[in-house]
All heavy atoms as atom14 arrays in JSON, in Angstrom:
{
  "sequence": "CLRKIEDLRGSRVLAYVTGDRPPVQAQIGDDAVRPLITLLRE",
  "atom14_mask": [
    [1, 1, 1, 1, 1, 1, 0, 0, 0, 0, 0, 0, 0, 0],
    [1, 1, 1, 1, 1, 1, 1, 1, 0, 0, 0, 0, 0, 0],
    [1, 1, 1, 1, 1, 1, 1, 1, 1, 1, 1, 0, 0, 0],
    [1, 1, 1, 1, 1, 1, 1, 1, 1, 0, 0, 0, 0, 0],
    [1, 1, 1, 1, 1, 1, 1, 1, 0, 0, 0, 0, 0, 0],
    [1, 1, 1, 1, 1, 1, 1, 1, 1, 0, 0, 0, 0, 0],
    [1, 1, 1, 1, 1, 1, 1, 1, 0, 0, 0, 0, 0, 0],
    [1, 1, 1, 1, 1, 1, 1, 1, 0, 0, 0, 0, 0, 0],
    [1, 1, 1, 1, 1, 1, 1, 1, 1, 1, 1, 0, 0, 0],
    [1, 1, 1, 1, 0, 0, 0, 0, 0, 0, 0, 0, 0, 0],
    [1, 1, 1, 1, 1, 1, 0, 0, 0, 0, 0, 0, 0, 0],
    [1, 1, 1, 1, 1, 1, 1, 1, 1, 1, 1, 0, 0, 0],
    [1, 1, 1, 1, 1, 1, 1, 0, 0, 0, 0, 0, 0, 0],
    [1, 1, 1, 1, 1, 1, 1, 1, 0, 0, 0, 0, 0, 0],
    [1, 1, 1, 1, 1, 0, 0, 0, 0, 0, 0, 0, 0, 0],
    [1, 1, 1, 1, 1, 1, 1, 1, 1, 1, 1, 1, 0, 0],
    [1, 1, 1, 1, 1, 1, 1, 0, 0, 0, 0, 0, 0, 0],
    [1, 1, 1, 1, 1, 1, 1, 0, 0, 0, 0, 0, 0, 0],
    [1, 1, 1, 1, 0, 0, 0, 0, 0, 0, 0, 0, 0, 0],
    [1, 1, 1, 1, 1, 1, 1, 1, 0, 0, 0, 0, 0, 0],
    [1, 1, 1, 1, 1, 1, 1, 1, 1, 1, 1, 0, 0, 0],
    [1, 1, 1, 1, 1, 1, 1, 0, 0, 0, 0, 0, 0, 0],
    [1, 1, 1, 1, 1, 1, 1, 0, 0, 0, 0, 0, 0, 0],
    [1, 1, 1, 1, 1, 1, 1, 0, 0, 0, 0, 0, 0, 0],
    [1, 1, 1, 1, 1, 1, 1, 1, 1, 0, 0, 0, 0, 0],
    [1, 1, 1, 1, 1, 0, 0, 0, 0, 0, 0, 0, 0, 0],
    [1, 1, 1, 1, 1, 1, 1, 1, 1, 0, 0, 0, 0, 0],
    [1, 1, 1, 1, 1, 1, 1, 1, 0, 0, 0, 0, 0, 0],
    [1, 1, 1, 1, 0, 0, 0, 0, 0, 0, 0, 0, 0, 0],
    [1, 1, 1, 1, 1, 1, 1, 1, 0, 0, 0, 0, 0, 0],
    [1, 1, 1, 1, 1, 1, 1, 1, 0, 0, 0, 0, 0, 0],
    [1, 1, 1, 1, 1, 0, 0, 0, 0, 0, 0, 0, 0, 0],
    [1, 1, 1, 1, 1, 1, 1, 0, 0, 0, 0, 0, 0, 0],
    [1, 1, 1, 1, 1, 1, 1, 1, 1, 1, 1, 0, 0, 0],
    [1, 1, 1, 1, 1, 1, 1, 0, 0, 0, 0, 0, 0, 0],
    [1, 1, 1, 1, 1, 1, 1, 1, 0, 0, 0, 0, 0, 0],
    [1, 1, 1, 1, 1, 1, 1, 1, 0, 0, 0, 0, 0, 0],
    [1, 1, 1, 1, 1, 1, 1, 0, 0, 0, 0, 0, 0, 0],
    [1, 1, 1, 1, 1, 1, 1, 1, 0, 0, 0, 0, 0, 0],
    [1, 1, 1, 1, 1, 1, 1, 1, 0, 0, 0, 0, 0, 0],
    [1, 1, 1, 1, 1, 1, 1, 1, 1, 1, 1, 0, 0, 0],
    [1, 1, 1, 1, 1, 1, 1, 1, 1, 0, 0, 0, 0, 0]
  ],
  "atom14_positions": [
    [[9.76, 7.1, 6.42], [8.44, 7.39, 7.0], [7.77, 6.11, 7.48], [7.16, 6.07, 8.57], [7.56, 8.09, 5.98], [8.04, 9.79, 5.57], [0.0, 0.0, 0.0], [0.0, 0.0, 0.0], [0.0, 0.0, 0.0], [0.0, 0.0, 0.0], [0.0, 0.0, 0.0], [0.0, 0.0, 0.0], [0.0, 0.0, 0.0], [0.0, 0.0, 0.0]],
    [[7.83, 5.05, 6.68], [7.21, 3.78, 7.07], [7.81, 3.26, 8.37], [7.08, 2.76, 9.25], [7.39, 2.75, 5.95], [6.61, 3.0, 4.65], [7.06, 2.05, 3.55], [5.11, 2.86, 4.87], [0.0, 0.0, 0.0], [0.0, 0.0, 0.0], [0.0, 0.0, 0.0], [0.0, 0.0, 0.0], [0.0, 0.0, 0.0], [0.0, 0.0, 0.0]],
    [[9.12, 3.36, 8.51], [9.78, 2.89, 9.74], [9.39, 3.75, 10.94], [9.21, 3.23, 12.05], [11.29, 2.89, 9.54], [11.76, 1.76, 8.63], [13.23, 1.88, 8.33], [13.69, 0.74, 7.52], [14.71, 0.78, 6.68], [15.4, 1.92, 6.55], [15.08, -0.29, 6.01], [0.0, 0.0, 0.0], [0.0, 0.0, 0.0], [0.0, 0.0, 0.0]],
    [[9.23, 5.06, 10.72], [8.8, 5.93, 11.82], [7.39, 5.55, 12.29], [7.12, 5.53, 13.5], [8.82, 7.4, 11.38], [10.21, 8.0, 11.29], [10.13, 9.46, 10.87], [11.51, 10.08, 10.77], [11.43, 11.5, 10.31], [0.0, 0.0, 0.0], [0.0, 0.0, 0.0], [0.0, 0.0, 0.0], [0.0, 0.0, 0.0], [0.0, 0.0, 0.0]],
    [[6.51, 5.25, 11.33], [5.15, 4.84, 11.7], [5.18, 3.54, 12.49], [4.47, 3.4, 13.5], [4.28, 4.69, 10.43], [4.12, 6.03, 9.72], [2.89, 4.14, 10.79], [3.48, 5.93, 8.34], [0.0, 0.0, 0.0], [0.0, 0.0, 0.0], [0.0, 0.0, 0.0], [0.0, 0.0, 0.0], [0.0, 0.0, 0.0], [0.0, 0.0, 0.0]],
    [[5.99, 2.61, 12.05], [6.08, 1.33, 12.77], [6.61, 1.55, 14.19], [6.12, 0.91, 15.15], [6.99, 0.37, 12.01], [6.37, -0.13, 10.71], [7.18, -1.22, 10.03], [8.38, -1.36, 10.35], [6.62, -1.94, 9.2], [0.0, 0.0, 0.0], [0.0, 0.0, 0.0], [0.0, 0.0, 0.0], [0.0, 0.0, 0.0], [0.0, 0.0, 0.0]],
    [[7.58, 2.45, 14.36], [8.1, 2.72, 15.71], [7.04, 3.39, 16.57], [6.89, 3.05, 17.77], [9.34, 3.64, 15.61], [10.55, 2.93, 15.02], [10.55, 1.67, 15.01], [11.47, 3.61, 14.55], [0.0, 0.0, 0.0], [0.0, 0.0, 0.0], [0.0, 0.0, 0.0], [0.0, 0.0, 0.0], [0.0, 0.0, 0.0], [0.0, 0.0, 0.0]],
    [[6.3, 4.34, 16.02], [5.27, 5.04, 16.79], [4.11, 4.12, 17.16], [3.53, 4.25, 18.23], [4.74, 6.24, 15.98], [5.68, 7.43, 15.82], [5.12, 8.41, 14.79], [5.88, 8.13, 17.16], [0.0, 0.0, 0.0], [0.0, 0.0, 0.0], [0.0, 0.0, 0.0], [0.0, 0.0, 0.0], [0.0, 0.0, 0.0], [0.0, 0.0, 0.0]],
    [[3.78, 3.21, 16.28], [2.59, 2.38, 16.45], [2.89, 0.99, 17.0], [1.98, 0.27, 17.41], [1.88, 2.22, 15.11], [1.38, 3.52, 14.49], [0.02, 3.86, 14.97], [-0.93, 2.79, 14.65], [-2.14, 2.71, 15.17], [-2.56, 3.62, 16.03], [-2.94, 1.72, 14.82], [0.0, 0.0, 0.0], [0.0, 0.0, 0.0], [0.0, 0.0, 0.0]],
    [[4.16, 0.58, 17.0], [4.5, -0.77, 17.41], [3.85, -1.8, 16.5], [3.31, -2.81, 16.97], [0.0, 0.0, 0.0], [0.0, 0.0, 0.0], [0.0, 0.0, 0.0], [0.0, 0.0, 0.0], [0.0, 0.0, 0.0], [0.0, 0.0, 0.0], [0.0, 0.0, 0.0], [0.0, 0.0, 0.0], [0.0, 0.0, 0.0], [0.0, 0.0, 0.0]],
    [[3.88, -1.54, 15.19], [3.16, -2.37, 14.23], [4.02, -2.64, 13.01], [5.14, -2.13, 12.89], [1.87, -1.67, 13.79], [2.2, -0.48, 13.06], [0.0, 0.0, 0.0], [0.0, 0.0, 0.0], [0.0, 0.0, 0.0], [0.0, 0.0, 0.0], [0.0, 0.0, 0.0], [0.0, 0.0, 0.0], [0.0, 0.0, 0.0], [0.0, 0.0, 0.0]],
    [[3.49, -3.43, 12.09], [4.05, -3.57, 10.75], [3.13, -2.81, 9.8], [1.89, -2.92, 9.91], [4.14, -5.04, 10.34], [5.01, -5.89, 11.26], [6.45, -5.37, 11.32], [7.03, -5.24, 9.99], [7.61, -6.25, 9.32], [7.65, -7.47, 9.86], [8.13, -6.06, 8.13], [0.0, 0.0, 0.0], [0.0, 0.0, 0.0], [0.0, 0.0, 0.0]],
    [[3.7, -2.05, 8.89], [2.92, -1.16, 8.03], [2.92, -1.66, 6.6], [3.97, -2.02, 6.04], [3.45, 0.29, 8.08], [2.68, 1.18, 7.11], [3.35, 0.85, 9.5], [0.0, 0.0, 0.0], [0.0, 0.0, 0.0], [0.0, 0.0, 0.0], [0.0, 0.0, 0.0], [0.0, 0.0, 0.0], [0.0, 0.0, 0.0], [0.0, 0.0, 0.0]],
    [[1.72, -1.69, 6.02], [1.53, -1.98, 4.6], [0.87, -0.75, 3.99], [-0.15, -0.28, 4.49], [0.63, -3.21, 4.43], [0.18, -3.55, 3.0], [1.36, -3.99, 2.16], [-0.9, -4.64, 3.03], [0.0, 0.0, 0.0], [0.0, 0.0, 0.0], [0.0, 0.0, 0.0], [0.0, 0.0, 0.0], [0.0, 0.0, 0.0], [0.0, 0.0, 0.0]],
    [[1.46, -0.21, 2.92], [0.91, 0.98, 2.26], [0.31, 0.6, 0.92], [0.91, -0.17, 0.16], [1.99, 2.03, 2.09], [0.0, 0.0, 0.0], [0.0, 0.0, 0.0], [0.0, 0.0, 0.0], [0.0, 0.0, 0.0], [0.0, 0.0, 0.0], [0.0, 0.0, 0.0], [0.0, 0.0, 0.0], [0.0, 0.0, 0.0], [0.0, 0.0, 0.0]],
    [[-0.85, 1.18, 0.63], [-1.49, 0.98, -0.67], [-2.06, 2.33, -1.11], [-2.95, 2.88, -0.44], [-2.6, -0.07, -0.58], [-3.34, -0.34, -1.87], [-2.7, -0.27, -3.11], [-4.69, -0.68, -1.86], [-3.38, -0.52, -4.29], [-5.38, -0.94, -3.04], [-4.73, -0.86, -4.25], [-5.41, -1.11, -5.42], [0.0, 0.0, 0.0], [0.0, 0.0, 0.0]],
    [[-1.53, 2.85, -2.2], [-1.89, 4.18, -2.68], [-2.25, 4.09, -4.15], [-1.48, 3.55, -4.96], [-0.72, 5.17, -2.5], [-1.05, 6.52, -3.13], [-0.39, 5.33, -1.03], [0.0, 0.0, 0.0], [0.0, 0.0, 0.0], [0.0, 0.0, 0.0], [0.0, 0.0, 0.0], [0.0, 0.0, 0.0], [0.0, 0.0, 0.0], [0.0, 0.0, 0.0]],
    [[-3.43, 4.6, -4.51], [-3.82, 4.71, -5.92], [-3.85, 6.19, -6.29], [-4.52, 6.98, -5.64], [-5.19, 4.06, -6.2], [-6.2, 4.73, -5.45], [-5.18, 2.59, -5.8], [0.0, 0.0, 0.0], [0.0, 0.0, 0.0], [0.0, 0.0, 0.0], [0.0, 0.0, 0.0], [0.0, 0.0, 0.0], [0.0, 0.0, 0.0], [0.0, 0.0, 0.0]],
    [[-3.12, 6.55, -7.33], [-3.0, 7.95, -7.71], [-4.25, 8.48, -8.38], [-5.02, 7.74, -9.0], [0.0, 0.0, 0.0], [0.0, 0.0, 0.0], [0.0, 0.0, 0.0], [0.0, 0.0, 0.0], [0.0, 0.0, 0.0], [0.0, 0.0, 0.0], [0.0, 0.0, 0.0], [0.0, 0.0, 0.0], [0.0, 0.0, 0.0], [0.0, 0.0, 0.0]],
    [[-4.46, 9.78, -8.26], [-5.64, 10.41, -8.88], [-5.21, 11.59, -9.76], [-5.88, 12.62, -9.82], [-6.65, 10.87, -7.82], [-6.01, 11.71, -6.72], [-4.83, 12.08, -6.86], [-6.7, 12.02, -5.74], [0.0, 0.0, 0.0], [0.0, 0.0, 0.0], [0.0, 0.0, 0.0], [0.0, 0.0, 0.0], [0.0, 0.0, 0.0], [0.0, 0.0, 0.0]],
    [[-4.1, 11.42, -10.46], [-3.62, 12.47, -11.35], [-4.41, 12.45, -12.66], [-4.4, 11.45, -13.38], [-2.14, 12.25, -11.66], [-1.53, 13.29, -12.58], [-0.19, 12.82, -13.1], [0.48, 13.84, -13.89], [1.48, 13.6, -14.72], [1.92, 12.36, -14.89], [2.03, 14.59, -15.4], [0.0, 0.0, 0.0], [0.0, 0.0, 0.0], [0.0, 0.0, 0.0]],
    [[-5.11, 13.52, -13.0], [-5.81, 13.55, -14.28], [-4.81, 13.52, -15.44], [-3.72, 14.09, -15.32], [-6.56, 14.89, -14.25], [-6.63, 15.24, -12.78], [-5.37, 14.72, -12.19], [0.0, 0.0, 0.0], [0.0, 0.0, 0.0], [0.0, 0.0, 0.0], [0.0, 0.0, 0.0], [0.0, 0.0, 0.0], [0.0, 0.0, 0.0], [0.0, 0.0, 0.0]],
    [[-5.14, 12.87, -16.56], [-6.45, 12.28, -16.86], [-6.53, 10.78, -16.63], [-7.49, 10.15, -17.06], [-6.58, 12.59, -18.36], [-5.19, 12.43, -18.88], [-4.29, 12.92, -17.78], [0.0, 0.0, 0.0], [0.0, 0.0, 0.0], [0.0, 0.0, 0.0], [0.0, 0.0, 0.0], [0.0, 0.0, 0.0], [0.0, 0.0, 0.0], [0.0, 0.0, 0.0]],
    [[-5.51, 10.17, -16.02], [-5.53, 8.71, -15.85], [-5.51, 8.35, -14.36], [-4.52, 7.87, -13.82], [-4.36, 8.03, -16.59], [-4.62, 7.94, -18.07], [-3.04, 8.78, -16.34], [0.0, 0.0, 0.0], [0.0, 0.0, 0.0], [0.0, 0.0, 0.0], [0.0, 0.0, 0.0], [0.0, 0.0, 0.0], [0.0, 0.0, 0.0], [0.0, 0.0, 0.0]],
    [[-6.61, 8.62, -13.68], [-6.71, 8.29, -12.27], [-6.78, 6.78, -12.09], [-7.46, 6.08, -12.84], [-7.95, 8.94, -11.65], [-7.91, 10.47, -11.67], [-8.59, 11.07, -12.87], [-8.66, 10.45, -13.92], [-9.12, 12.27, -12.72], [0.0, 0.0, 0.0], [0.0, 0.0, 0.0], [0.0, 0.0, 0.0], [0.0, 0.0, 0.0], [0.0, 0.0, 0.0]],
    [[-6.06, 6.28, -11.09], [-6.07, 4.85, -10.79], [-7.19, 4.55, -9.81], [-7.65, 5.41, -9.06], [-4.73, 4.41, -10.22], [0.0, 0.0, 0.0], [0.0, 0.0, 0.0], [0.0, 0.0, 0.0], [0.0, 0.0, 0.0], [0.0, 0.0, 0.0], [0.0, 0.0, 0.0], [0.0, 0.0, 0.0], [0.0, 0.0, 0.0], [0.0, 0.0, 0.0]],
    [[-7.61, 3.29, -9.8], [-8.64, 2.84, -8.87], [-8.21, 1.52, -8.23], [-7.35, 0.81, -8.76], [-9.97, 2.63, -9.59], [-10.62, 3.91, -10.08], [-12.03, 3.68, -10.58], [-12.34, 2.64, -11.14], [-12.9, 4.64, -10.35], [0.0, 0.0, 0.0], [0.0, 0.0, 0.0], [0.0, 0.0, 0.0], [0.0, 0.0, 0.0], [0.0, 0.0, 0.0]],
    [[-8.8, 1.23, -7.09], [-8.59, -0.08, -6.48], [-9.05, -1.14, -7.46], [-10.17, -1.08, -7.98], [-9.39, -0.19, -5.17], [-8.79, 0.73, -4.1], [-9.43, -1.62, -4.66], [-9.6, 0.81, -2.83], [0.0, 0.0, 0.0], [0.0, 0.0, 0.0], [0.0, 0.0, 0.0], [0.0, 0.0, 0.0], [0.0, 0.0, 0.0], [0.0, 0.0, 0.0]],
    [[-8.18, -2.1, -7.75], [-8.51, -3.12, -8.74], [-8.03, -4.49, -8.32], [-7.15, -4.63, -7.45], [0.0, 0.0, 0.0], [0.0, 0.0, 0.0], [0.0, 0.0, 0.0], [0.0, 0.0, 0.0], [0.0, 0.0, 0.0], [0.0, 0.0, 0.0], [0.0, 0.0, 0.0], [0.0, 0.0, 0.0], [0.0, 0.0, 0.0], [0.0, 0.0, 0.0]],
    [[-8.58, -5.5, -8.96], [-8.21, -6.87, -8.66], [-6.73, -7.13, -8.92], [-6.12, -7.98, -8.27], [-9.07, -7.82, -9.49], [-8.78, -9.28, -9.19], [-9.14, -9.75, -8.09], [-8.18, -9.96, -10.05], [0.0, 0.0, 0.0], [0.0, 0.0, 0.0], [0.0, 0.0, 0.0], [0.0, 0.0, 0.0], [0.0, 0.0, 0.0], [0.0, 0.0, 0.0]],
    [[-6.14, -6.4, -9.86], [-4.73, -6.61, -10.19], [-3.81, -6.29, -9.03], [-2.66, -6.76, -8.99], [-4.35, -5.75, -11.4], [-4.61, -4.27, -11.15], [-5.78, -3.9, -11.02], [-3.64, -3.5, -11.06], [0.0, 0.0, 0.0], [0.0, 0.0, 0.0], [0.0, 0.0, 0.0], [0.0, 0.0, 0.0], [0.0, 0.0, 0.0], [0.0, 0.0, 0.0]],
    [[-4.27, -5.49, -8.06], [-3.44, -5.11, -6.92], [-3.4, -6.19, -5.84], [-2.51, -6.16, -4.97], [-3.93, -3.8, -6.31], [0.0, 0.0, 0.0], [0.0, 0.0, 0.0], [0.0, 0.0, 0.0], [0.0, 0.0, 0.0], [0.0, 0.0, 0.0], [0.0, 0.0, 0.0], [0.0, 0.0, 0.0], [0.0, 0.0, 0.0], [0.0, 0.0, 0.0]],
    [[-4.33, -7.13, -5.88], [-4.42, -8.14, -4.81], [-3.14, -8.98, -4.75], [-2.61, -9.26, -3.66], [-5.65, -9.04, -5.0], [-5.66, -10.17, -3.98], [-6.93, -8.2, -4.87], [0.0, 0.0, 0.0], [0.0, 0.0, 0.0], [0.0, 0.0, 0.0], [0.0, 0.0, 0.0], [0.0, 0.0, 0.0], [0.0, 0.0, 0.0], [0.0, 0.0, 0.0]],
    [[-2.64, -9.37, -5.91], [-1.45, -10.25, -5.93], [-0.22, -9.59, -5.3], [0.42, -10.2, -4.42], [-1.17, -10.69, -7.37], [-0.02, -11.69, -7.49], [-0.36, -13.0, -6.8], [0.7, -13.97, -6.93], [1.79, -14.03, -6.18], [1.96, -13.1, -5.23], [2.71, -14.94, -6.36], [0.0, 0.0, 0.0], [0.0, 0.0, 0.0], [0.0, 0.0, 0.0]],
    [[0.18, -8.37, -5.69], [1.34, -7.76, -5.02], [1.11, -7.5, -3.54], [2.04, -7.62, -2.73], [1.57, -6.46, -5.79], [0.35, -6.23, -6.59], [-0.25, -7.55, -6.85], [0.0, 0.0, 0.0], [0.0, 0.0, 0.0], [0.0, 0.0, 0.0], [0.0, 0.0, 0.0], [0.0, 0.0, 0.0], [0.0, 0.0, 0.0], [0.0, 0.0, 0.0]],
    [[-0.14, -7.18, -3.15], [-0.42, -6.97, -1.73], [-0.27, -8.27, -0.94], [0.25, -8.28, 0.19], [-1.83, -6.4, -1.56], [-2.0, -4.94, -1.99], [-3.47, -4.57, -2.08], [-1.27, -4.0, -1.03], [0.0, 0.0, 0.0], [0.0, 0.0, 0.0], [0.0, 0.0, 0.0], [0.0, 0.0, 0.0], [0.0, 0.0, 0.0], [0.0, 0.0, 0.0]],
    [[-0.71, -9.38, -1.53], [-0.53, -10.68, -0.86], [0.95, -11.0, -0.72], [1.4, -11.51, 0.33], [-1.27, -11.79, -1.64], [-2.78, -11.65, -1.46], [-0.82, -13.18, -1.18], [-3.6, -12.64, -2.26], [0.0, 0.0, 0.0], [0.0, 0.0, 0.0], [0.0, 0.0, 0.0], [0.0, 0.0, 0.0], [0.0, 0.0, 0.0], [0.0, 0.0, 0.0]],
    [[1.74, -10.71, -1.75], [3.19, -10.94, -1.66], [3.79, -10.17, -0.49], [4.6, -10.71, 0.27], [3.87, -10.52, -2.98], [3.38, -11.33, -4.04], [5.38, -10.68, -2.89], [0.0, 0.0, 0.0], [0.0, 0.0, 0.0], [0.0, 0.0, 0.0], [0.0, 0.0, 0.0], [0.0, 0.0, 0.0], [0.0, 0.0, 0.0], [0.0, 0.0, 0.0]],
    [[3.39, -8.91, -0.34], [3.9, -8.11, 0.76], [3.47, -8.67, 2.12], [4.26, -8.7, 3.07], [3.44, -6.66, 0.61], [4.0, -5.9, -0.6], [3.3, -4.57, -0.76], [5.5, -5.68, -0.46], [0.0, 0.0, 0.0], [0.0, 0.0, 0.0], [0.0, 0.0, 0.0], [0.0, 0.0, 0.0], [0.0, 0.0, 0.0], [0.0, 0.0, 0.0]],
    [[2.22, -9.11, 2.22], [1.73, -9.67, 3.47], [2.45, -10.98, 3.81], [2.75, -11.25, 4.99], [0.22, -9.9, 3.39], [-0.65, -8.65, 3.49], [-2.1, -8.96, 3.14], [-0.57, -8.05, 4.9], [0.0, 0.0, 0.0], [0.0, 0.0, 0.0], [0.0, 0.0, 0.0], [0.0, 0.0, 0.0], [0.0, 0.0, 0.0], [0.0, 0.0, 0.0]],
    [[2.74, -11.77, 2.8], [3.47, -13.03, 3.05], [4.88, -12.73, 3.57], [5.4, -13.46, 4.42], [3.52, -13.87, 1.78], [2.18, -14.49, 1.39], [2.3, -15.25, 0.08], [3.17, -16.4, 0.22], [2.79, -17.6, 0.62], [1.51, -17.82, 0.94], [3.64, -18.59, 0.7], [0.0, 0.0, 0.0], [0.0, 0.0, 0.0], [0.0, 0.0, 0.0]],
    [[5.5, -11.68, 3.05], [6.84, -11.33, 3.52], [6.81, -10.77, 4.94], [7.75, -10.97, 5.71], [7.47, -10.32, 2.55], [7.81, -10.93, 1.19], [8.44, -9.93, 0.25], [8.52, -8.75, 0.61], [8.87, -10.33, -0.85], [0.0, 0.0, 0.0], [0.0, 0.0, 0.0], [0.0, 0.0, 0.0], [0.0, 0.0, 0.0], [0.0, 0.0, 0.0]]
  ]
}
């Protein structure tokens, strides 16, 4: 799917998804910044 989006958009795609499954819903947090930076550097 990511490759299809890149082909359709002529872009590079970065995905960030936080789950909302009860009872432990995830939220955007500072801990996610480091792996996202790693992906952007690559």
